[in-house]
Amino acid sequence: MPTRRMPAIPRNEATRLYLDQKISVNALARDYGVSAPYLTKLFKEWQVPLRGRKEAARLREADKREQ
């Protein structure tokens, strides 16, 4: 059975969007056509500091207030 090739993820862009624009792993994964666990794995390999549940929840609440 052939192995599935994952789409290339632009490291600098994905990291910038996650860290600076505060876009979630789920949203980025959806945009890049990969799973959230796969993107999380890449971020760990790239040594990108991942947000904890508390910070992610805080960002979601702030986003809801802005809308």
PDB file of N, CA and C in Angstrom:
ATOM      1  N   MET A   1       0.847  -1.174   0.000  1.00  0.00           N
ATOM      2  CA  MET A   1       0.000   0.000   0.000  1.00  0.00           C
ATOM      3  C   MET A   1       0.898   1.244   0.000  1.00  0.00           C
ATOM      4  N   PRO A   2       0.617   2.200  -0.885  1.00  0.00           N
ATOM      5  CA  PRO A   2       1.453   3.408  -0.941  1.00  0.00           C
ATOM      6  C   PRO A   2       1.241   4.270   0.300  1.00  0.00           C
ATOM      7  N   THR A   3       2.305   4.949   0.693  1.00  0.00           N
ATOM      8  CA  THR A   3       2.196   5.844   1.842  1.00  0.00           C
ATOM      9  C   THR A   3       1.562   7.156   1.404  1.00  0.00           C
ATOM     10  N   ARG A   4       0.831   7.743   2.297  1.00  0.00           N
ATOM     11  CA  ARG A   4       0.151   9.002   2.007  1.00  0.00           C
ATOM     12  C   ARG A   4       1.111  10.158   2.240  1.00  0.00           C
ATOM     13  N   ARG A   5       1.228  11.035   1.272  1.00  0.00           N
ATOM     14  CA  ARG A   5       2.074  12.226   1.422  1.00  0.00           C
ATOM     15  C   ARG A   5       1.247  13.354   2.003  1.00  0.00           C
ATOM     16  N   MET A   6       1.774  13.956   3.027  1.00  0.00           N
ATOM     17  CA  MET A   6       1.099  15.082   3.648  1.00  0.00           C
ATOM     18  C   MET A   6       1.496  16.361   2.905  1.00  0.00           C
ATOM     19  N   PRO A   7       0.583  17.305   2.817  1.00  0.00           N
ATOM     20  CA  PRO A   7       0.926  18.570   2.148  1.00  0.00           C
ATOM     21  C   PRO A   7       2.062  19.282   2.874  1.00  0.00           C
ATOM     22  N   ALA A   8       2.849  19.989   2.115  1.00  0.00           N
ATOM     23  CA  ALA A   8       3.939  20.773   2.713  1.00  0.00           C
ATOM     24  C   ALA A   8       3.332  21.934   3.495  1.00  0.00           C
ATOM     25  N   ILE A   9       3.786  22.096   4.706  1.00  0.00           N
ATOM     26  CA  ILE A   9       3.318  23.187   5.566  1.00  0.00           C
ATOM     27  C   ILE A   9       4.431  24.229   5.608  1.00  0.00           C
ATOM     28  N   PRO A  10       4.138  25.480   5.209  1.00  0.00           N
ATOM     29  CA  PRO A  10       5.167  26.517   5.282  1.00  0.00           C
ATOM     30  C   PRO A  10       5.476  26.860   6.739  1.00  0.00           C
ATOM     31  N   ARG A  11       6.641  26.427   7.185  1.00  0.00           N
ATOM     32  CA  ARG A  11       7.017  26.543   8.598  1.00  0.00           C
ATOM     33  C   ARG A  11       6.932  27.967   9.124  1.00  0.00           C
ATOM     34  N   ASN A  12       7.556  28.904   8.441  1.00  0.00           N
ATOM     35  CA  ASN A  12       7.578  30.295   8.930  1.00  0.00           C
ATOM     36  C   ASN A  12       6.183  30.893   8.983  1.00  0.00           C
ATOM     37  N   GLU A  13       5.401  30.637   7.946  1.00  0.00           N
ATOM     38  CA  GLU A  13       4.044  31.191   7.892  1.00  0.00           C
ATOM     39  C   GLU A  13       3.164  30.585   8.993  1.00  0.00           C
ATOM     40  N   ALA A  14       3.190  29.259   9.120  1.00  0.00           N
ATOM     41  CA  ALA A  14       2.357  28.593  10.124  1.00  0.00           C
ATOM     42  C   ALA A  14       2.734  29.052  11.525  1.00  0.00           C
ATOM     43  N   THR A  15       4.021  29.157  11.789  1.00  0.00           N
ATOM     44  CA  THR A  15       4.491  29.600  13.101  1.00  0.00           C
ATOM     45  C   THR A  15       4.066  31.037  13.374  1.00  0.00           C
ATOM     46  N   ARG A  16       4.210  31.903  12.389  1.00  0.00           N
ATOM     47  CA  ARG A  16       3.817  33.313  12.549  1.00  0.00           C
ATOM     48  C   ARG A  16       2.318  33.432  12.813  1.00  0.00           C
ATOM     49  N   LEU A  17       1.518  32.700  12.051  1.00  0.00           N
ATOM     50  CA  LEU A  17       0.070  32.764  12.238  1.00  0.00           C
ATOM     51  C   LEU A  17      -0.335  32.261  13.620  1.00  0.00           C
ATOM     52  N   TYR A  18       0.316  31.199  14.066  1.00  0.00           N
ATOM     53  CA  TYR A  18      -0.014  30.629  15.374  1.00  0.00           C
ATOM     54  C   TYR A  18       0.425  31.544  16.512  1.00  0.00           C
ATOM     55  N   LEU A  19       1.658  32.014  16.458  1.00  0.00           N
ATOM     56  CA  LEU A  19       2.190  32.809  17.564  1.00  0.00           C
ATOM     57  C   LEU A  19       1.755  34.268  17.535  1.00  0.00           C
ATOM     58  N   ASP A  20       1.829  34.903  16.374  1.00  0.00           N
ATOM     59  CA  ASP A  20       1.560  36.339  16.292  1.00  0.00           C
ATOM     60  C   ASP A  20       0.086  36.660  16.075  1.00  0.00           C
ATOM     61  N   GLN A  21      -0.561  35.906  15.187  1.00  0.00           N
ATOM     62  CA  GLN A  21      -1.969  36.171  14.882  1.00  0.00           C
ATOM     63  C   GLN A  21      -2.921  35.408  15.802  1.00  0.00           C
ATOM     64  N   LYS A  22      -2.345  34.509  16.644  1.00  0.00           N
ATOM     65  CA  LYS A  22      -3.117  33.735  17.622  1.00  0.00           C
ATOM     66  C   LYS A  22      -4.179  32.841  16.975  1.00  0.00           C
ATOM     67  N   ILE A  23      -3.900  32.340  15.772  1.00  0.00           N
ATOM     68  CA  ILE A  23      -4.824  31.423  15.102  1.00  0.00           C
ATOM     69  C   ILE A  23      -4.626  30.035  15.706  1.00  0.00           C
ATOM     70  N   SER A  24      -5.717  29.339  15.956  1.00  0.00           N
ATOM     71  CA  SER A  24      -5.648  28.051  16.638  1.00  0.00           C
ATOM     72  C   SER A  24      -5.038  26.967  15.752  1.00  0.00           C
ATOM     73  N   VAL A  25      -4.538  25.920  16.407  1.00  0.00           N
ATOM     74  CA  VAL A  25      -4.013  24.763  15.677  1.00  0.00           C
ATOM     75  C   VAL A  25      -5.122  24.166  14.817  1.00  0.00           C
ATOM     76  N   ASN A  26      -6.331  24.070  15.365  1.00  0.00           N
ATOM     77  CA  ASN A  26      -7.445  23.494  14.599  1.00  0.00           C
ATOM     78  C   ASN A  26      -7.732  24.293  13.334  1.00  0.00           C
ATOM     79  N   ALA A  27      -7.768  25.605  13.449  1.00  0.00           N
ATOM     80  CA  ALA A  27      -8.045  26.450  12.283  1.00  0.00           C
ATOM     81  C   ALA A  27      -6.917  26.354  11.257  1.00  0.00           C
ATOM     82  N   LEU A  28      -5.676  26.365  11.722  1.00  0.00           N
ATOM     83  CA  LEU A  28      -4.546  26.245  10.793  1.00  0.00           C
ATOM     84  C   LEU A  28      -4.547  24.885  10.097  1.00  0.00           C
ATOM     85  N   ALA A  29      -4.798  23.831  10.865  1.00  0.00           N
ATOM     86  CA  ALA A  29      -4.831  22.485  10.293  1.00  0.00           C
ATOM     87  C   ALA A  29      -5.895  22.406   9.203  1.00  0.00           C
ATOM     88  N   ARG A  30      -7.060  22.966   9.475  1.00  0.00           N
ATOM     89  CA  ARG A  30      -8.146  22.979   8.482  1.00  0.00           C
ATOM     90  C   ARG A  30      -7.705  23.727   7.219  1.00  0.00           C
ATOM     91  N   ASP A  31      -7.063  24.883   7.398  1.00  0.00           N
ATOM     92  CA  ASP A  31      -6.605  25.687   6.257  1.00  0.00           C
ATOM     93  C   ASP A  31      -5.552  24.956   5.423  1.00  0.00           C
ATOM     94  N   TYR A  32      -4.667  24.206   6.094  1.00  0.00           N
ATOM     95  CA  TYR A  32      -3.589  23.506   5.394  1.00  0.00           C
ATOM     96  C   TYR A  32      -3.985  22.108   4.927  1.00  0.00           C
ATOM     97  N   GLY A  33      -5.190  21.657   5.288  1.00  0.00           N
ATOM     98  CA  GLY A  33      -5.656  20.348   4.846  1.00  0.00           C
ATOM     99  C   GLY A  33      -4.998  19.183   5.561  1.00  0.00           C
ATOM    100  N   VAL A  34      -4.649  19.378   6.830  1.00  0.00           N
ATOM    101  CA  VAL A  34      -4.051  18.313   7.639  1.00  0.00           C
ATOM    102  C   VAL A  34      -4.836  18.203   8.944  1.00  0.00           C
ATOM    103  N   SER A  35      -4.535  17.184   9.731  1.00  0.00           N
ATOM    104  CA  SER A  35      -5.201  17.035  11.020  1.00  0.00           C
ATOM    105  C   SER A  35      -4.517  17.907  12.073  1.00  0.00           C
ATOM    106  N   ALA A  36      -5.272  18.250  13.101  1.00  0.00           N
ATOM    107  CA  ALA A  36      -4.710  19.037  14.208  1.00  0.00           C
ATOM    108  C   ALA A  36      -3.588  18.274  14.914  1.00  0.00           C
ATOM    109  N   PRO A  37      -3.739  16.950  15.157  1.00  0.00           N
ATOM    110  CA  PRO A  37      -2.623  16.230  15.783  1.00  0.00           C
ATOM    111  C   PRO A  37      -1.347  16.245  14.929  1.00  0.00           C
ATOM    112  N   TYR A  38      -1.496  16.173  13.616  1.00  0.00           N
ATOM    113  CA  TYR A  38      -0.320  16.223  12.741  1.00  0.00           C
ATOM    114  C   TYR A  38       0.366  17.587  12.840  1.00  0.00           C
ATOM    115  N   LEU A  39      -0.420  18.666  12.804  1.00  0.00           N
ATOM    116  CA  LEU A  39       0.169  20.003  12.900  1.00  0.00           C
ATOM    117  C   LEU A  39       0.806  20.213  14.275  1.00  0.00           C
ATOM    118  N   THR A  40       0.169  19.708  15.325  1.00  0.00           N
ATOM    119  CA  THR A  40       0.747  19.796  16.665  1.00  0.00           C
ATOM    120  C   THR A  40       2.090  19.075  16.707  1.00  0.00           C
ATOM    121  N   LYS A  41       2.159  17.914  16.072  1.00  0.00           N
ATOM    122  CA  LYS A  41       3.417  17.160  16.012  1.00  0.00           C
ATOM    123  C   LYS A  41       4.503  17.983  15.314  1.00  0.00           C
ATOM    124  N   LEU A  42       4.145  18.622  14.200  1.00  0.00           N
ATOM    125  CA  LEU A  42       5.113  19.469  13.495  1.00  0.00           C
ATOM    126  C   LEU A  42       5.585  20.621  14.378  1.00  0.00           C
ATOM    127  N   PHE A  43       4.648  21.281  15.048  1.00  0.00           N
ATOM    128  CA  PHE A  43       5.023  22.390  15.920  1.00  0.00           C
ATOM    129  C   PHE A  43       5.991  21.925  17.002  1.00  0.00           C
ATOM    130  N   LYS A  44       5.749  20.744  17.560  1.00  0.00           N
ATOM    131  CA  LYS A  44       6.667  20.215  18.574  1.00  0.00           C
ATOM    132  C   LYS A  44       8.037  19.956  17.971  1.00  0.00           C
ATOM    133  N   GLU A  45       8.079  19.382  16.761  1.00  0.00           N
ATOM    134  CA  GLU A  45       9.353  19.139  16.081  1.00  0.00           C
ATOM    135  C   GLU A  45      10.079  20.448  15.801  1.00  0.00           C
ATOM    136  N   TRP A  46       9.320  21.500  15.470  1.00  0.00           N
ATOM    137  CA  TRP A  46       9.891  22.813  15.159  1.00  0.00           C
ATOM    138  C   TRP A  46      10.165  23.614  16.435  1.00  0.00           C
ATOM    139  N   GLN A  47       9.850  23.046  17.581  1.00  0.00           N
ATOM    140  CA  GLN A  47      10.038  23.679  18.884  1.00  0.00           C
ATOM    141  C   GLN A  47       9.251  24.985  19.031  1.00  0.00           C
ATOM    142  N   VAL A  48       8.046  24.978  18.483  1.00  0.00           N
ATOM    143  CA  VAL A  48       7.126  26.111  18.631  1.00  0.00           C
ATOM    144  C   VAL A  48       6.432  25.941  19.984  1.00  0.00           C
ATOM    145  N   PRO A  49       6.466  26.946  20.853  1.00  0.00           N
ATOM    146  CA  PRO A  49       5.792  26.813  22.155  1.00  0.00           C
ATOM    147  C   PRO A  49       4.279  26.757  21.966  1.00  0.00           C
ATOM    148  N   LEU A  50       3.692  25.651  22.384  1.00  0.00           N
ATOM    149  CA  LEU A  50       2.255  25.457  22.226  1.00  0.00           C
ATOM    150  C   LEU A  50       1.494  26.094  23.377  1.00  0.00           C
ATOM    151  N   ARG A  51       0.311  26.607  23.070  1.00  0.00           N
ATOM    152  CA  ARG A  51      -0.543  27.191  24.098  1.00  0.00           C
ATOM    153  C   ARG A  51      -1.171  26.074  24.930  1.00  0.00           C
ATOM    154  N   GLY A  52      -1.334  26.348  26.201  1.00  0.00           N
ATOM    155  CA  GLY A  52      -2.043  25.419  27.070  1.00  0.00           C
ATOM    156  C   GLY A  52      -3.541  25.614  26.939  1.00  0.00           C
ATOM    157  N   ARG A  53      -4.292  24.744  27.564  1.00  0.00           N
ATOM    158  CA  ARG A  53      -5.762  24.819  27.490  1.00  0.00           C
ATOM    159  C   ARG A  53      -6.290  26.142  28.049  1.00  0.00           C
ATOM    160  N   LYS A  54      -5.669  26.604  29.121  1.00  0.00           N
ATOM    161  CA  LYS A  54      -6.136  27.836  29.764  1.00  0.00           C
ATOM    162  C   LYS A  54      -5.972  29.038  28.828  1.00  0.00           C
ATOM    163  N   GLU A  55      -4.808  29.145  28.215  1.00  0.00           N
ATOM    164  CA  GLU A  55      -4.566  30.264  27.306  1.00  0.00           C
ATOM    165  C   GLU A  55      -5.454  30.168  26.069  1.00  0.00           C
ATOM    166  N   ALA A  56      -5.644  28.953  25.551  1.00  0.00           N
ATOM    167  CA  ALA A  56      -6.499  28.770  24.381  1.00  0.00           C
ATOM    168  C   ALA A  56      -7.940  29.177  24.697  1.00  0.00           C
ATOM    169  N   ALA A  57      -8.418  28.804  25.876  1.00  0.00           N
ATOM    170  CA  ALA A  57      -9.779  29.176  26.286  1.00  0.00           C
ATOM    171  C   ALA A  57      -9.899  30.691  26.430  1.00  0.00           C
ATOM    172  N   ARG A  58      -8.866  31.316  26.982  1.00  0.00           N
ATOM    173  CA  ARG A  58      -8.874  32.778  27.144  1.00  0.00           C
ATOM    174  C   ARG A  58      -8.958  33.462  25.776  1.00  0.00           C
ATOM    175  N   LEU A  59      -8.213  32.953  24.807  1.00  0.00           N
ATOM    176  CA  LEU A  59      -8.239  33.530  23.458  1.00  0.00           C
ATOM    177  C   LEU A  59      -9.603  33.342  22.797  1.00  0.00           C
ATOM    178  N   ARG A  60     -10.222  32.167  23.005  1.00  0.00           N
ATOM    179  CA  ARG A  60     -11.556  31.933  22.444  1.00  0.00           C
ATOM    180  C   ARG A  60     -12.570  32.917  23.034  1.00  0.00           C
ATOM    181  N   GLU A  61     -12.498  33.128  24.339  1.00  0.00           N
ATOM    182  CA  GLU A  61     -13.414  34.063  25.003  1.00  0.00           C
ATOM    183  C   GLU A  61     -13.201  35.485  24.490  1.00  0.00           C
ATOM    184  N   ALA A  62     -11.961  35.885  24.335  1.00  0.00           N
ATOM    185  CA  ALA A  62     -11.662  37.230  23.824  1.00  0.00           C
ATOM    186  C   ALA A  62     -12.174  37.375  22.399  1.00  0.00           C
ATOM    187  N   ASP A  63     -12.054  36.339  21.605  1.00  0.00           N
ATOM    188  CA  ASP A  63     -12.522  36.367  20.226  1.00  0.00           C
ATOM    189  C   ASP A  63     -14.049  36.493  20.185  1.00  0.00           C
ATOM    190  N   LYS A  64     -14.740  35.801  21.077  1.00  0.00           N
ATOM    191  CA  LYS A  64     -16.205  35.889  21.140  1.00  0.00           C
ATOM    192  C   LYS A  64     -16.662  37.299  21.506  1.00  0.00           C
ATOM    193  N   ARG A  65     -15.912  37.923  22.427  1.00  0.00           N
ATOM    194  CA  ARG A  65     -16.274  39.287  22.838  1.00  0.00           C
ATOM    195  C   ARG A  65     -16.094  40.301  21.724  1.00  0.00           C
ATOM    196  N   GLU A  66     -15.100  40.062  20.850  1.00  0.00           N
ATOM    197  CA  GLU A  66     -14.836  40.987  19.755  1.00  0.00           C
ATOM    198  C   GLU A  66     -15.893  40.897  18.667  1.00  0.00           C
ATOM    199  N   GLN A  67     -16.556  39.759  18.571  1.00  0.00           N
ATOM    200  CA  GLN A  67     -17.554  39.574  17.491  1.00  0.00           C
ATOM    201  C   GLN A  67     -18.841  40.166  17.855  1.00  0.00           C
TER     202      GLN A  67
END
